[in-house]
Amino acid sequence: MEKSIVVEGKTSAQAIEKGLMELNCKREDVEIKILENEEKRSFFSILEPRIVKVELTLKKEKNKFEEKKTKIASEEDFNICIENIKRFMQDFTKCIEGISAEVKKEQDMICVEISGESASKLIGHRGETINALQTLISAIGNKNVKNRVKISVDICDYKEKREKTLKELARKLEKTVKRTGKKIVLEPMSSYERKIIHTELQESEYVTTYSIGEEPRRKVVIDKK
């Protein structure tokens, strides 16, 4: 099934750019349909705020790629992944004194929990090191599996604490945008952290969120509806 969204802007270019950000794709990946053109305005609406509506539909090639990415991993995939990670973590924990690791399957993913007196040193500034470690462990864990397995790496419950902090930040900024009417651009975040902000505010009556920029400096924008 094709994925389509309808976005609004003061011009068609602005609306298209906003839609591309929401879909996280390039212009060549979508089919664009102008639903309400800025040039077709009646005499009686000339003093009204200009709003252009545009429909963006992901092309079939893009959709097939997304479907391929979401194939469900088999029990064999999980077993191979767990063994790959356990072998790596055995060597990894030997190299760093004062840490231990637990690898376990939880629902549809594999969780790697690192703890110990030296573990907090592996978090890094705002989670940069833990994010890099998760990328590495995901690559190692998914070696020789047919369908990719989702892997989560946490250190001393850092992600749970960070998620709480980001949710509180999102609600605080929602109030600021509601009061001032001005959009706020957050600092660069990982896709995991951006998702927390988007999810927390997706039902907001006052603001909308979208991402801008390229990885690894992609940012969340909180704007008034």
N, C-alpha and C. Protein backbone atom coordinates (compact mmCIF):
# COMPACT_ATOMS: atom_id res chain seq x y z
N MET A 1 0.85 -1.20 0.00
CA MET A 1 0.00 0.00 0.00
C MET A 1 0.88 1.24 0.00
N GLU A 2 0.57 2.21 -0.86
CA GLU A 2 1.39 3.41 -0.96
C GLU A 2 1.16 4.31 0.25
N LYS A 3 2.24 4.93 0.71
CA LYS A 3 2.16 5.84 1.84
C LYS A 3 2.05 7.27 1.34
N SER A 4 1.01 7.99 1.78
CA SER A 4 0.81 9.37 1.36
C SER A 4 0.57 10.25 2.57
N ILE A 5 1.02 11.51 2.47
CA ILE A 5 0.73 12.49 3.50
C ILE A 5 0.31 13.79 2.84
N VAL A 6 -0.47 14.59 3.54
CA VAL A 6 -0.86 15.90 3.06
C VAL A 6 -0.26 16.94 4.00
N VAL A 7 0.48 17.89 3.45
CA VAL A 7 1.13 18.92 4.26
C VAL A 7 0.74 20.30 3.76
N GLU A 8 0.92 21.29 4.63
CA GLU A 8 0.56 22.65 4.30
C GLU A 8 1.75 23.59 4.44
N GLY A 9 1.73 24.68 3.69
CA GLY A 9 2.77 25.68 3.79
C GLY A 9 2.31 26.98 3.15
N LYS A 10 3.09 28.03 3.31
CA LYS A 10 2.73 29.31 2.71
C LYS A 10 2.94 29.27 1.19
N THR A 11 3.86 28.39 0.73
CA THR A 11 4.09 28.18 -0.69
C THR A 11 4.17 26.68 -0.94
N SER A 12 4.06 26.27 -2.20
CA SER A 12 4.16 24.85 -2.51
C SER A 12 5.55 24.32 -2.18
N ALA A 13 6.58 25.14 -2.40
CA ALA A 13 7.96 24.73 -2.11
C ALA A 13 8.13 24.46 -0.62
N GLN A 14 7.57 25.33 0.20
CA GLN A 14 7.67 25.15 1.65
C GLN A 14 6.93 23.90 2.09
N ALA A 15 5.74 23.68 1.52
CA ALA A 15 4.95 22.50 1.88
C ALA A 15 5.66 21.21 1.46
N ILE A 16 6.26 21.21 0.27
CA ILE A 16 6.98 20.03 -0.23
C ILE A 16 8.17 19.72 0.66
N GLU A 17 8.93 20.76 1.03
CA GLU A 17 10.10 20.57 1.88
C GLU A 17 9.70 19.98 3.23
N LYS A 18 8.61 20.48 3.78
CA LYS A 18 8.12 19.97 5.06
C LYS A 18 7.71 18.51 4.94
N GLY A 19 7.05 18.17 3.82
CA GLY A 19 6.63 16.78 3.60
C GLY A 19 7.80 15.83 3.45
N LEU A 20 8.84 16.28 2.75
CA LEU A 20 10.04 15.45 2.57
C LEU A 20 10.72 15.18 3.91
N MET A 21 10.70 16.19 4.78
CA MET A 21 11.28 16.01 6.11
C MET A 21 10.50 14.99 6.92
N GLU A 22 9.18 15.05 6.84
CA GLU A 22 8.34 14.13 7.59
C GLU A 22 8.51 12.69 7.10
N LEU A 23 8.65 12.52 5.78
CA LEU A 23 8.82 11.18 5.20
C LEU A 23 10.26 10.71 5.26
N ASN A 24 11.18 11.64 5.57
CA ASN A 24 12.60 11.35 5.64
C ASN A 24 13.10 10.75 4.32
N CYS A 25 12.83 11.47 3.24
CA CYS A 25 13.23 10.99 1.92
C CYS A 25 13.59 12.17 1.02
N LYS A 26 14.05 11.84 -0.19
CA LYS A 26 14.42 12.87 -1.15
C LYS A 26 13.27 13.13 -2.12
N ARG A 27 13.37 14.24 -2.86
CA ARG A 27 12.30 14.64 -3.77
C ARG A 27 12.04 13.59 -4.84
N GLU A 28 13.11 12.92 -5.30
CA GLU A 28 12.94 11.92 -6.35
C GLU A 28 12.25 10.64 -5.86
N ASP A 29 12.09 10.51 -4.52
CA ASP A 29 11.45 9.32 -3.97
C ASP A 29 9.93 9.43 -3.89
N VAL A 30 9.39 10.63 -4.22
CA VAL A 30 7.95 10.83 -4.05
C VAL A 30 7.28 11.37 -5.31
N GLU A 31 5.98 11.15 -5.37
CA GLU A 31 5.15 11.78 -6.39
C GLU A 31 4.41 12.93 -5.71
N ILE A 32 4.42 14.10 -6.34
CA ILE A 32 3.88 15.31 -5.72
C ILE A 32 2.62 15.78 -6.43
N LYS A 33 1.60 16.07 -5.65
CA LYS A 33 0.34 16.56 -6.21
C LYS A 33 -0.09 17.82 -5.44
N ILE A 34 -0.22 18.94 -6.15
CA ILE A 34 -0.66 20.18 -5.52
C ILE A 34 -2.18 20.12 -5.36
N LEU A 35 -2.66 20.14 -4.12
CA LEU A 35 -4.10 20.06 -3.86
C LEU A 35 -4.74 21.43 -3.83
N GLU A 36 -3.97 22.41 -3.39
CA GLU A 36 -4.49 23.77 -3.33
C GLU A 36 -3.36 24.72 -3.70
N ASN A 37 -3.38 25.25 -4.91
CA ASN A 37 -2.28 26.06 -5.44
C ASN A 37 -2.38 27.50 -4.98
N GLU A 38 -1.21 28.08 -4.66
CA GLU A 38 -1.20 29.47 -4.20
C GLU A 38 -1.63 30.46 -5.27
N GLU A 39 -1.60 30.03 -6.55
CA GLU A 39 -1.98 30.94 -7.63
C GLU A 39 -3.50 31.00 -7.83
N LYS A 40 -4.20 29.97 -7.37
CA LYS A 40 -5.64 29.89 -7.58
C LYS A 40 -6.38 30.38 -6.34
N ARG A 41 -6.47 31.68 -6.19
CA ARG A 41 -7.11 32.28 -5.03
C ARG A 41 -8.22 33.23 -5.49
N SER A 42 -9.34 33.15 -4.86
CA SER A 42 -10.46 34.00 -5.24
C SER A 42 -10.28 35.41 -4.70
N PHE A 43 -11.04 36.33 -5.24
CA PHE A 43 -10.98 37.72 -4.79
C PHE A 43 -11.35 37.83 -3.30
N PHE A 44 -12.32 36.99 -2.87
CA PHE A 44 -12.82 37.09 -1.50
C PHE A 44 -11.84 36.48 -0.48
N SER A 45 -10.87 35.69 -0.94
CA SER A 45 -9.93 35.06 0.00
C SER A 45 -8.57 35.74 -0.01
N ILE A 46 -8.46 36.87 -0.71
CA ILE A 46 -7.16 37.49 -0.89
C ILE A 46 -6.55 38.01 0.42
N LEU A 47 -7.43 38.35 1.38
CA LEU A 47 -6.93 38.85 2.66
C LEU A 47 -6.71 37.74 3.68
N GLU A 48 -7.05 36.51 3.35
CA GLU A 48 -6.86 35.39 4.27
C GLU A 48 -5.42 34.91 4.22
N PRO A 49 -4.93 34.28 5.32
CA PRO A 49 -3.57 33.73 5.31
C PRO A 49 -3.40 32.73 4.18
N ARG A 50 -2.29 32.80 3.47
CA ARG A 50 -2.05 31.92 2.33
C ARG A 50 -1.65 30.53 2.81
N ILE A 51 -2.39 29.53 2.41
CA ILE A 51 -2.08 28.15 2.76
C ILE A 51 -2.14 27.30 1.51
N VAL A 52 -1.07 26.56 1.27
CA VAL A 52 -1.00 25.66 0.12
C VAL A 52 -0.97 24.23 0.62
N LYS A 53 -1.81 23.38 0.07
CA LYS A 53 -1.85 21.97 0.46
C LYS A 53 -1.22 21.12 -0.64
N VAL A 54 -0.32 20.22 -0.21
CA VAL A 54 0.39 19.35 -1.15
C VAL A 54 0.33 17.91 -0.66
N GLU A 55 0.09 16.99 -1.58
CA GLU A 55 0.08 15.56 -1.25
C GLU A 55 1.37 14.92 -1.76
N LEU A 56 2.08 14.23 -0.87
CA LEU A 56 3.30 13.51 -1.24
C LEU A 56 3.07 12.01 -1.08
N THR A 57 3.37 11.25 -2.13
CA THR A 57 3.19 9.80 -2.10
C THR A 57 4.52 9.12 -2.41
N LEU A 58 4.94 8.23 -1.50
CA LEU A 58 6.17 7.49 -1.74
C LEU A 58 6.03 6.59 -2.95
N LYS A 59 7.03 6.58 -3.81
CA LYS A 59 7.01 5.72 -4.99
C LYS A 59 7.14 4.26 -4.58
N LYS A 60 6.72 3.37 -5.45
CA LYS A 60 6.68 1.95 -5.14
C LYS A 60 8.05 1.41 -4.77
N GLU A 61 9.10 1.90 -5.45
CA GLU A 61 10.45 1.43 -5.16
C GLU A 61 10.81 1.69 -3.72
N LYS A 62 10.43 2.86 -3.21
CA LYS A 62 10.71 3.22 -1.83
C LYS A 62 9.93 2.35 -0.88
N ASN A 63 8.65 2.09 -1.22
CA ASN A 63 7.81 1.27 -0.37
C ASN A 63 8.34 -0.15 -0.27
N LYS A 64 8.81 -0.69 -1.40
CA LYS A 64 9.35 -2.05 -1.39
C LYS A 64 10.55 -2.13 -0.48
N PHE A 65 11.37 -1.09 -0.50
CA PHE A 65 12.56 -1.07 0.35
C PHE A 65 12.15 -1.08 1.82
N GLU A 66 11.11 -0.29 2.18
CA GLU A 66 10.65 -0.23 3.56
C GLU A 66 10.09 -1.58 3.99
N GLU A 67 9.33 -2.24 3.06
CA GLU A 67 8.76 -3.54 3.40
C GLU A 67 9.86 -4.57 3.64
N LYS A 68 10.92 -4.49 2.85
CA LYS A 68 12.02 -5.43 3.00
C LYS A 68 12.69 -5.26 4.35
N LYS A 69 12.78 -4.02 4.80
CA LYS A 69 13.43 -3.74 6.07
C LYS A 69 12.63 -4.27 7.25
N THR A 70 11.33 -4.39 7.11
CA THR A 70 10.49 -4.75 8.24
C THR A 70 10.13 -6.24 8.27
N LYS A 71 10.82 -7.08 7.51
CA LYS A 71 10.57 -8.52 7.56
C LYS A 71 10.87 -9.03 8.96
N ILE A 72 10.04 -9.95 9.44
CA ILE A 72 10.16 -10.45 10.81
C ILE A 72 11.29 -11.47 10.90
N ALA A 73 12.13 -11.30 11.92
CA ALA A 73 13.25 -12.22 12.15
C ALA A 73 12.72 -13.54 12.71
N SER A 74 13.33 -14.64 12.29
CA SER A 74 12.92 -15.96 12.76
C SER A 74 13.62 -16.29 14.08
N GLU A 75 13.19 -17.39 14.69
CA GLU A 75 13.83 -17.84 15.94
C GLU A 75 15.31 -18.15 15.70
N GLU A 76 15.59 -18.69 14.52
CA GLU A 76 16.99 -18.99 14.16
C GLU A 76 17.81 -17.70 14.07
N ASP A 77 17.21 -16.66 13.49
CA ASP A 77 17.89 -15.37 13.40
C ASP A 77 18.25 -14.85 14.80
N PHE A 78 17.28 -14.96 15.72
CA PHE A 78 17.50 -14.51 17.10
C PHE A 78 18.63 -15.30 17.76
N ASN A 79 18.62 -16.61 17.57
CA ASN A 79 19.65 -17.46 18.19
C ASN A 79 21.04 -17.12 17.68
N ILE A 80 21.15 -16.94 16.36
CA ILE A 80 22.45 -16.58 15.77
C ILE A 80 22.91 -15.23 16.30
N CYS A 81 21.97 -14.28 16.36
CA CYS A 81 22.28 -12.94 16.83
C CYS A 81 22.76 -12.96 18.28
N ILE A 82 22.07 -13.68 19.13
CA ILE A 82 22.45 -13.76 20.54
C ILE A 82 23.84 -14.35 20.71
N GLU A 83 24.13 -15.42 19.97
CA GLU A 83 25.46 -16.04 20.05
C GLU A 83 26.55 -15.09 19.57
N ASN A 84 26.28 -14.36 18.50
CA ASN A 84 27.25 -13.38 17.98
C ASN A 84 27.57 -12.32 19.04
N ILE A 85 26.51 -11.83 19.68
CA ILE A 85 26.70 -10.77 20.68
C ILE A 85 27.40 -11.30 21.92
N LYS A 86 27.03 -12.48 22.36
CA LYS A 86 27.65 -13.06 23.56
C LYS A 86 29.15 -13.26 23.35
N ARG A 87 29.55 -13.73 22.19
CA ARG A 87 30.98 -13.92 21.92
C ARG A 87 31.72 -12.58 21.95
N PHE A 88 31.11 -11.58 21.34
CA PHE A 88 31.73 -10.25 21.32
C PHE A 88 31.82 -9.67 22.73
N MET A 89 30.75 -9.78 23.51
CA MET A 89 30.72 -9.18 24.84
C MET A 89 31.68 -9.88 25.80
N GLN A 90 31.93 -11.17 25.59
CA GLN A 90 32.91 -11.87 26.42
C GLN A 90 34.29 -11.25 26.25
N ASP A 91 34.67 -10.98 25.01
CA ASP A 91 35.96 -10.34 24.75
C ASP A 91 35.96 -8.88 25.20
N PHE A 92 34.84 -8.20 24.98
CA PHE A 92 34.74 -6.78 25.30
C PHE A 92 34.87 -6.55 26.81
N THR A 93 34.18 -7.35 27.61
CA THR A 93 34.23 -7.17 29.07
C THR A 93 35.58 -7.54 29.65
N LYS A 94 36.33 -8.38 28.96
CA LYS A 94 37.68 -8.72 29.42
C LYS A 94 38.65 -7.55 29.23
N CYS A 95 38.35 -6.72 28.22
CA CYS A 95 39.23 -5.59 27.90
C CYS A 95 39.00 -4.39 28.83
N ILE A 96 37.80 -4.31 29.43
CA ILE A 96 37.48 -3.17 30.29
C ILE A 96 37.15 -3.70 31.69
N GLU A 97 38.01 -3.38 32.65
CA GLU A 97 37.83 -3.87 34.01
C GLU A 97 36.64 -3.18 34.67
N GLY A 98 35.87 -3.95 35.41
CA GLY A 98 34.77 -3.38 36.19
C GLY A 98 33.44 -3.30 35.47
N ILE A 99 33.26 -4.08 34.40
CA ILE A 99 31.96 -4.11 33.73
C ILE A 99 31.52 -5.55 33.48
N SER A 100 30.21 -5.72 33.37
CA SER A 100 29.64 -7.02 33.01
C SER A 100 28.49 -6.77 32.06
N ALA A 101 28.06 -7.80 31.35
CA ALA A 101 26.98 -7.63 30.37
C ALA A 101 26.02 -8.80 30.40
N GLU A 102 24.75 -8.47 30.22
CA GLU A 102 23.70 -9.48 30.13
C GLU A 102 23.01 -9.35 28.78
N VAL A 103 22.89 -10.47 28.08
CA VAL A 103 22.25 -10.48 26.75
C VAL A 103 21.00 -11.34 26.83
N LYS A 104 19.85 -10.77 26.48
CA LYS A 104 18.60 -11.53 26.58
C LYS A 104 17.60 -11.05 25.53
N LYS A 105 16.69 -11.95 25.20
CA LYS A 105 15.63 -11.62 24.25
C LYS A 105 14.42 -11.11 25.02
N GLU A 106 13.88 -9.98 24.58
CA GLU A 106 12.67 -9.42 25.18
C GLU A 106 11.69 -9.08 24.06
N GLN A 107 10.61 -9.84 23.98
CA GLN A 107 9.58 -9.67 22.94
C GLN A 107 10.21 -9.75 21.55
N ASP A 108 10.25 -8.65 20.80
CA ASP A 108 10.73 -8.70 19.42
C ASP A 108 12.13 -8.13 19.25
N MET A 109 12.91 -8.07 20.34
CA MET A 109 14.26 -7.54 20.22
C MET A 109 15.22 -8.22 21.19
N ILE A 110 16.50 -7.94 21.00
CA ILE A 110 17.52 -8.44 21.91
C ILE A 110 18.05 -7.25 22.70
N CYS A 111 18.08 -7.40 24.02
CA CYS A 111 18.55 -6.33 24.89
C CYS A 111 19.92 -6.68 25.48
N VAL A 112 20.83 -5.74 25.38
CA VAL A 112 22.15 -5.89 25.96
C VAL A 112 22.27 -4.87 27.08
N GLU A 113 22.39 -5.34 28.30
CA GLU A 113 22.46 -4.46 29.46
C GLU A 113 23.86 -4.54 30.07
N ILE A 114 24.56 -3.40 30.06
CA ILE A 114 25.92 -3.33 30.59
C ILE A 114 25.89 -2.63 31.93
N SER A 115 26.55 -3.21 32.92
CA SER A 115 26.56 -2.64 34.26
C SER A 115 27.95 -2.81 34.88
N GLY A 116 28.10 -2.29 36.10
CA GLY A 116 29.39 -2.37 36.78
C GLY A 116 29.91 -1.01 37.15
N GLU A 117 30.93 -0.97 38.00
CA GLU A 117 31.46 0.29 38.52
C GLU A 117 32.10 1.17 37.46
N SER A 118 32.55 0.57 36.35
CA SER A 118 33.18 1.35 35.28
C SER A 118 32.25 1.58 34.09
N ALA A 119 31.04 1.04 34.16
CA ALA A 119 30.14 1.06 33.02
C ALA A 119 29.73 2.47 32.60
N SER A 120 29.54 3.38 33.56
CA SER A 120 29.07 4.73 33.24
C SER A 120 30.04 5.48 32.32
N LYS A 121 31.30 5.09 32.32
CA LYS A 121 32.29 5.73 31.45
C LYS A 121 32.00 5.45 29.97
N LEU A 122 31.20 4.42 29.71
CA LEU A 122 30.90 4.04 28.33
C LEU A 122 29.69 4.78 27.75
N ILE A 123 29.06 5.62 28.56
CA ILE A 123 27.88 6.35 28.08
C ILE A 123 28.28 7.49 27.16
N GLY A 124 29.28 8.27 27.57
CA GLY A 124 29.75 9.38 26.75
C GLY A 124 28.88 10.61 26.90
N HIS A 125 29.31 11.70 26.26
CA HIS A 125 28.58 12.96 26.33
C HIS A 125 27.22 12.83 25.66
N ARG A 126 26.16 12.98 26.45
CA ARG A 126 24.78 12.86 25.96
C ARG A 126 24.55 11.57 25.18
N GLY A 127 25.21 10.50 25.61
CA GLY A 127 24.97 9.19 25.03
C GLY A 127 25.69 8.89 23.73
N GLU A 128 26.67 9.73 23.35
CA GLU A 128 27.36 9.53 22.06
C GLU A 128 28.06 8.17 22.00
N THR A 129 28.72 7.79 23.10
CA THR A 129 29.47 6.53 23.11
C THR A 129 28.54 5.33 23.10
N ILE A 130 27.47 5.41 23.88
CA ILE A 130 26.52 4.30 23.92
C ILE A 130 25.84 4.12 22.56
N ASN A 131 25.58 5.21 21.86
CA ASN A 131 24.98 5.13 20.52
C ASN A 131 25.94 4.46 19.54
N ALA A 132 27.23 4.82 19.64
CA ALA A 132 28.23 4.21 18.77
C ALA A 132 28.38 2.72 19.09
N LEU A 133 28.32 2.40 20.38
CA LEU A 133 28.43 1.01 20.81
C LEU A 133 27.24 0.19 20.32
N GLN A 134 26.06 0.79 20.33
CA GLN A 134 24.88 0.08 19.84
C GLN A 134 24.99 -0.20 18.34
N THR A 135 25.52 0.77 17.58
CA THR A 135 25.72 0.57 16.14
C THR A 135 26.67 -0.59 15.89
N LEU A 136 27.76 -0.63 16.68
CA LEU A 136 28.75 -1.70 16.54
C LEU A 136 28.16 -3.06 16.89
N ILE A 137 27.48 -3.13 18.03
CA ILE A 137 26.90 -4.41 18.47
C ILE A 137 25.80 -4.87 17.53
N SER A 138 25.04 -3.95 16.97
CA SER A 138 23.99 -4.32 16.01
C SER A 138 24.58 -4.93 14.75
N ALA A 139 25.70 -4.36 14.30
CA ALA A 139 26.37 -4.89 13.10
C ALA A 139 26.93 -6.28 13.37
N ILE A 140 27.53 -6.46 14.53
CA ILE A 140 28.10 -7.76 14.90
C ILE A 140 27.00 -8.79 15.11
N GLY A 141 25.96 -8.40 15.83
CA GLY A 141 24.87 -9.34 16.12
C GLY A 141 24.15 -9.83 14.89
N ASN A 142 23.99 -8.96 13.90
CA ASN A 142 23.23 -9.33 12.70
C ASN A 142 24.07 -9.96 11.60
N LYS A 143 25.29 -10.31 11.90
CA LYS A 143 26.12 -11.00 10.92
C LYS A 143 25.59 -12.41 10.70
N ASN A 144 25.38 -12.77 9.43
CA ASN A 144 24.92 -14.10 9.02
C ASN A 144 23.46 -14.41 9.38
N VAL A 145 22.63 -13.37 9.66
CA VAL A 145 21.21 -13.61 9.88
C VAL A 145 20.45 -13.30 8.59
N LYS A 146 19.33 -13.96 8.37
CA LYS A 146 18.54 -13.73 7.14
C LYS A 146 17.74 -12.44 7.22
N ASN A 147 17.07 -12.23 8.35
CA ASN A 147 16.28 -11.02 8.55
C ASN A 147 16.79 -10.28 9.79
N ARG A 148 17.02 -8.99 9.62
CA ARG A 148 17.66 -8.19 10.66
C ARG A 148 16.91 -8.23 11.98
N VAL A 149 17.66 -8.35 13.06
CA VAL A 149 17.11 -8.38 14.41
C VAL A 149 17.33 -7.01 15.07
N LYS A 150 16.31 -6.51 15.74
CA LYS A 150 16.43 -5.23 16.44
C LYS A 150 17.18 -5.45 17.75
N ILE A 151 18.16 -4.58 18.01
CA ILE A 151 19.01 -4.71 19.20
C ILE A 151 19.02 -3.41 19.97
N SER A 152 18.87 -3.49 21.28
CA SER A 152 18.92 -2.32 22.15
C SER A 152 20.05 -2.49 23.15
N VAL A 153 20.90 -1.48 23.26
CA VAL A 153 22.02 -1.51 24.21
C VAL A 153 21.79 -0.42 25.26
N ASP A 154 21.86 -0.79 26.53
CA ASP A 154 21.68 0.17 27.61
C ASP A 154 22.79 0.01 28.64
N ILE A 155 23.14 1.12 29.27
CA ILE A 155 24.20 1.11 30.28
C ILE A 155 23.68 1.80 31.54
N CYS A 156 23.63 1.04 32.63
CA CYS A 156 23.19 1.59 33.92
C CYS A 156 21.85 2.32 33.81
N ASP A 157 20.93 1.76 33.04
CA ASP A 157 19.59 2.33 32.86
C ASP A 157 19.63 3.76 32.31
N TYR A 158 20.67 4.08 31.54
CA TYR A 158 20.80 5.44 30.99
C TYR A 158 19.63 5.80 30.10
N LYS A 159 19.19 4.87 29.24
CA LYS A 159 18.14 5.17 28.27
C LYS A 159 16.81 5.48 28.94
N GLU A 160 16.51 4.77 30.02
CA GLU A 160 15.26 5.02 30.74
C GLU A 160 15.28 6.43 31.34
N LYS A 161 16.43 6.81 31.92
CA LYS A 161 16.57 8.13 32.51
C LYS A 161 16.54 9.22 31.43
N ARG A 162 17.21 8.95 30.30
CA ARG A 162 17.25 9.91 29.20
C ARG A 162 15.87 10.09 28.58
N GLU A 163 15.12 8.99 28.46
CA GLU A 163 13.76 9.07 27.90
C GLU A 163 12.88 9.96 28.77
N LYS A 164 12.99 9.81 30.09
CA LYS A 164 12.20 10.63 31.01
C LYS A 164 12.57 12.10 30.86
N THR A 165 13.87 12.38 30.75
CA THR A 165 14.35 13.76 30.60
C THR A 165 13.83 14.38 29.31
N LEU A 166 13.87 13.62 28.20
CA LEU A 166 13.43 14.14 26.91
C LEU A 166 11.92 14.38 26.87
N LYS A 167 11.16 13.51 27.52
CA LYS A 167 9.71 13.70 27.57
C LYS A 167 9.36 14.97 28.35
N GLU A 168 10.07 15.19 29.45
CA GLU A 168 9.84 16.40 30.24
C GLU A 168 10.24 17.64 29.44
N LEU A 169 11.34 17.54 28.69
CA LEU A 169 11.80 18.65 27.84
C LEU A 169 10.77 18.95 26.76
N ALA A 170 10.23 17.90 26.14
CA ALA A 170 9.25 18.07 25.08
C ALA A 170 8.02 18.84 25.57
N ARG A 171 7.52 18.47 26.73
CA ARG A 171 6.34 19.13 27.28
C ARG A 171 6.64 20.57 27.68
N LYS A 172 7.84 20.81 28.17
CA LYS A 172 8.22 22.17 28.55
C LYS A 172 8.30 23.06 27.32
N LEU A 173 8.90 22.54 26.24
CA LEU A 173 9.02 23.32 25.01
C LEU A 173 7.68 23.49 24.31
N GLU A 174 6.78 22.51 24.47
CA GLU A 174 5.43 22.63 23.93
C GLU A 174 4.75 23.87 24.50
N LYS A 175 4.90 24.07 25.82
CA LYS A 175 4.30 25.24 26.47
C LYS A 175 4.94 26.53 25.98
N THR A 176 6.27 26.48 25.75
CA THR A 176 6.98 27.68 25.28
C THR A 176 6.51 28.08 23.89
N VAL A 177 6.38 27.09 22.99
CA VAL A 177 5.93 27.37 21.62
C VAL A 177 4.49 27.85 21.62
N LYS A 178 3.67 27.25 22.46
CA LYS A 178 2.27 27.67 22.56
C LYS A 178 2.18 29.13 23.01
N ARG A 179 3.04 29.51 23.96
CA ARG A 179 2.99 30.86 24.52
C ARG A 179 3.56 31.91 23.57
N THR A 180 4.69 31.59 22.91
CA THR A 180 5.38 32.57 22.07
C THR A 180 4.97 32.53 20.61
N GLY A 181 4.47 31.36 20.16
CA GLY A 181 4.11 31.21 18.75
C GLY A 181 5.31 31.02 17.85
N LYS A 182 6.49 30.88 18.43
CA LYS A 182 7.73 30.72 17.65
C LYS A 182 8.23 29.29 17.72
N LYS A 183 8.70 28.77 16.59
CA LYS A 183 9.21 27.41 16.56
C LYS A 183 10.54 27.31 17.29
N ILE A 184 10.85 26.11 17.77
CA ILE A 184 12.10 25.85 18.48
C ILE A 184 12.83 24.71 17.77
N VAL A 185 14.11 24.92 17.48
CA VAL A 185 14.94 23.89 16.87
C VAL A 185 15.86 23.32 17.94
N LEU A 186 15.75 22.02 18.19
CA LEU A 186 16.55 21.38 19.23
C LEU A 186 17.96 21.08 18.72
N GLU A 187 18.82 20.72 19.62
CA GLU A 187 20.18 20.31 19.26
C GLU A 187 20.15 18.99 18.51
N PRO A 188 21.21 18.65 17.77
CA PRO A 188 21.24 17.38 17.05
C PRO A 188 21.03 16.19 17.99
N MET A 189 20.23 15.23 17.54
CA MET A 189 19.93 14.04 18.34
C MET A 189 20.00 12.79 17.49
N SER A 190 20.15 11.66 18.14
CA SER A 190 20.10 10.38 17.44
C SER A 190 18.67 10.10 17.04
N SER A 191 18.46 9.16 16.11
CA SER A 191 17.11 8.82 15.66
C SER A 191 16.27 8.30 16.83
N TYR A 192 16.90 7.60 17.75
CA TYR A 192 16.22 7.07 18.94
C TYR A 192 15.66 8.21 19.79
N GLU A 193 16.47 9.25 20.01
CA GLU A 193 16.03 10.37 20.84
C GLU A 193 14.99 11.23 20.12
N ARG A 194 15.17 11.41 18.80
CA ARG A 194 14.19 12.18 18.04
C ARG A 194 12.82 11.51 18.09
N LYS A 195 12.81 10.20 18.03
CA LYS A 195 11.55 9.45 18.06
C LYS A 195 10.82 9.69 19.38
N ILE A 196 11.56 9.80 20.48
CA ILE A 196 10.94 10.05 21.78
C ILE A 196 10.21 11.38 21.77
N ILE A 197 10.84 12.43 21.21
CA ILE A 197 10.22 13.75 21.13
C ILE A 197 8.98 13.72 20.24
N HIS A 198 9.13 13.11 19.05
CA HIS A 198 8.00 13.03 18.11
C HIS A 198 6.81 12.29 18.74
N THR A 199 7.10 11.17 19.39
CA THR A 199 6.04 10.34 19.98
C THR A 199 5.35 11.07 21.12
N GLU A 200 6.12 11.76 21.95
CA GLU A 200 5.56 12.45 23.10
C GLU A 200 4.60 13.56 22.69
N LEU A 201 4.89 14.20 21.55
CA LEU A 201 4.08 15.36 21.14
C LEU A 201 3.15 15.08 19.96
N GLN A 202 3.06 13.82 19.54
CA GLN A 202 2.25 13.53 18.34
C GLN A 202 0.76 13.79 18.53
N GLU A 203 0.29 13.76 19.76
CA GLU A 203 -1.13 14.01 20.04
C GLU A 203 -1.37 15.43 20.55
N SER A 204 -0.34 16.28 20.52
CA SER A 204 -0.47 17.64 21.04
C SER A 204 -1.49 18.45 20.25
N GLU A 205 -2.28 19.25 20.96
CA GLU A 205 -3.28 20.12 20.32
C GLU A 205 -2.64 21.41 19.82
N TYR A 206 -1.43 21.70 20.31
CA TYR A 206 -0.85 23.02 20.06
C TYR A 206 0.37 23.02 19.13
N VAL A 207 1.11 21.92 19.09
CA VAL A 207 2.35 21.93 18.29
C VAL A 207 2.44 20.72 17.37
N THR A 208 3.31 20.84 16.38
CA THR A 208 3.65 19.73 15.50
C THR A 208 5.17 19.60 15.49
N THR A 209 5.67 18.43 15.19
CA THR A 209 7.13 18.23 15.18
C THR A 209 7.56 17.60 13.85
N TYR A 210 8.78 17.93 13.44
CA TYR A 210 9.39 17.30 12.27
C TYR A 210 10.90 17.42 12.40
N SER A 211 11.62 16.69 11.59
CA SER A 211 13.09 16.69 11.67
C SER A 211 13.69 17.38 10.45
N ILE A 212 14.83 18.04 10.66
CA ILE A 212 15.55 18.71 9.58
C ILE A 212 17.02 18.33 9.64
N GLY A 213 17.72 18.54 8.51
CA GLY A 213 19.16 18.29 8.48
C GLY A 213 19.51 16.86 8.11
N GLU A 214 20.80 16.61 8.04
CA GLU A 214 21.32 15.29 7.68
C GLU A 214 22.01 14.66 8.87
N GLU A 215 22.00 13.32 8.90
CA GLU A 215 22.72 12.61 9.95
C GLU A 215 24.23 12.91 9.83
N PRO A 216 24.96 13.03 10.93
CA PRO A 216 24.52 12.78 12.31
C PRO A 216 24.05 14.04 13.03
N ARG A 217 23.78 15.12 12.30
CA ARG A 217 23.36 16.37 12.92
C ARG A 217 21.89 16.70 12.62
N ARG A 218 21.08 15.66 12.56
CA ARG A 218 19.66 15.86 12.31
C ARG A 218 18.98 16.36 13.58
N LYS A 219 18.06 17.33 13.42
CA LYS A 219 17.45 17.99 14.57
C LYS A 219 15.92 17.91 14.53
N VAL A 220 15.31 18.00 15.70
CA VAL A 220 13.86 18.06 15.80
C VAL A 220 13.42 19.51 15.86
N VAL A 221 12.35 19.82 15.12
CA VAL A 221 11.75 21.16 15.16
C VAL A 221 10.37 21.04 15.80
N ILE A 222 10.10 21.88 16.79
CA ILE A 222 8.78 21.94 17.42
C ILE A 222 8.15 23.26 16.97
N ASP A 223 7.04 23.16 16.25
CA ASP A 223 6.41 24.36 15.65
C ASP A 223 4.94 24.42 16.05
N LYS A 224 4.39 25.60 16.05
CA LYS A 224 2.99 25.79 16.40
C LYS A 224 2.08 25.31 15.28
N LYS A 225 0.98 24.65 15.63
CA LYS A 225 0.02 24.17 14.63
C LYS A 225 -0.74 25.34 14.03
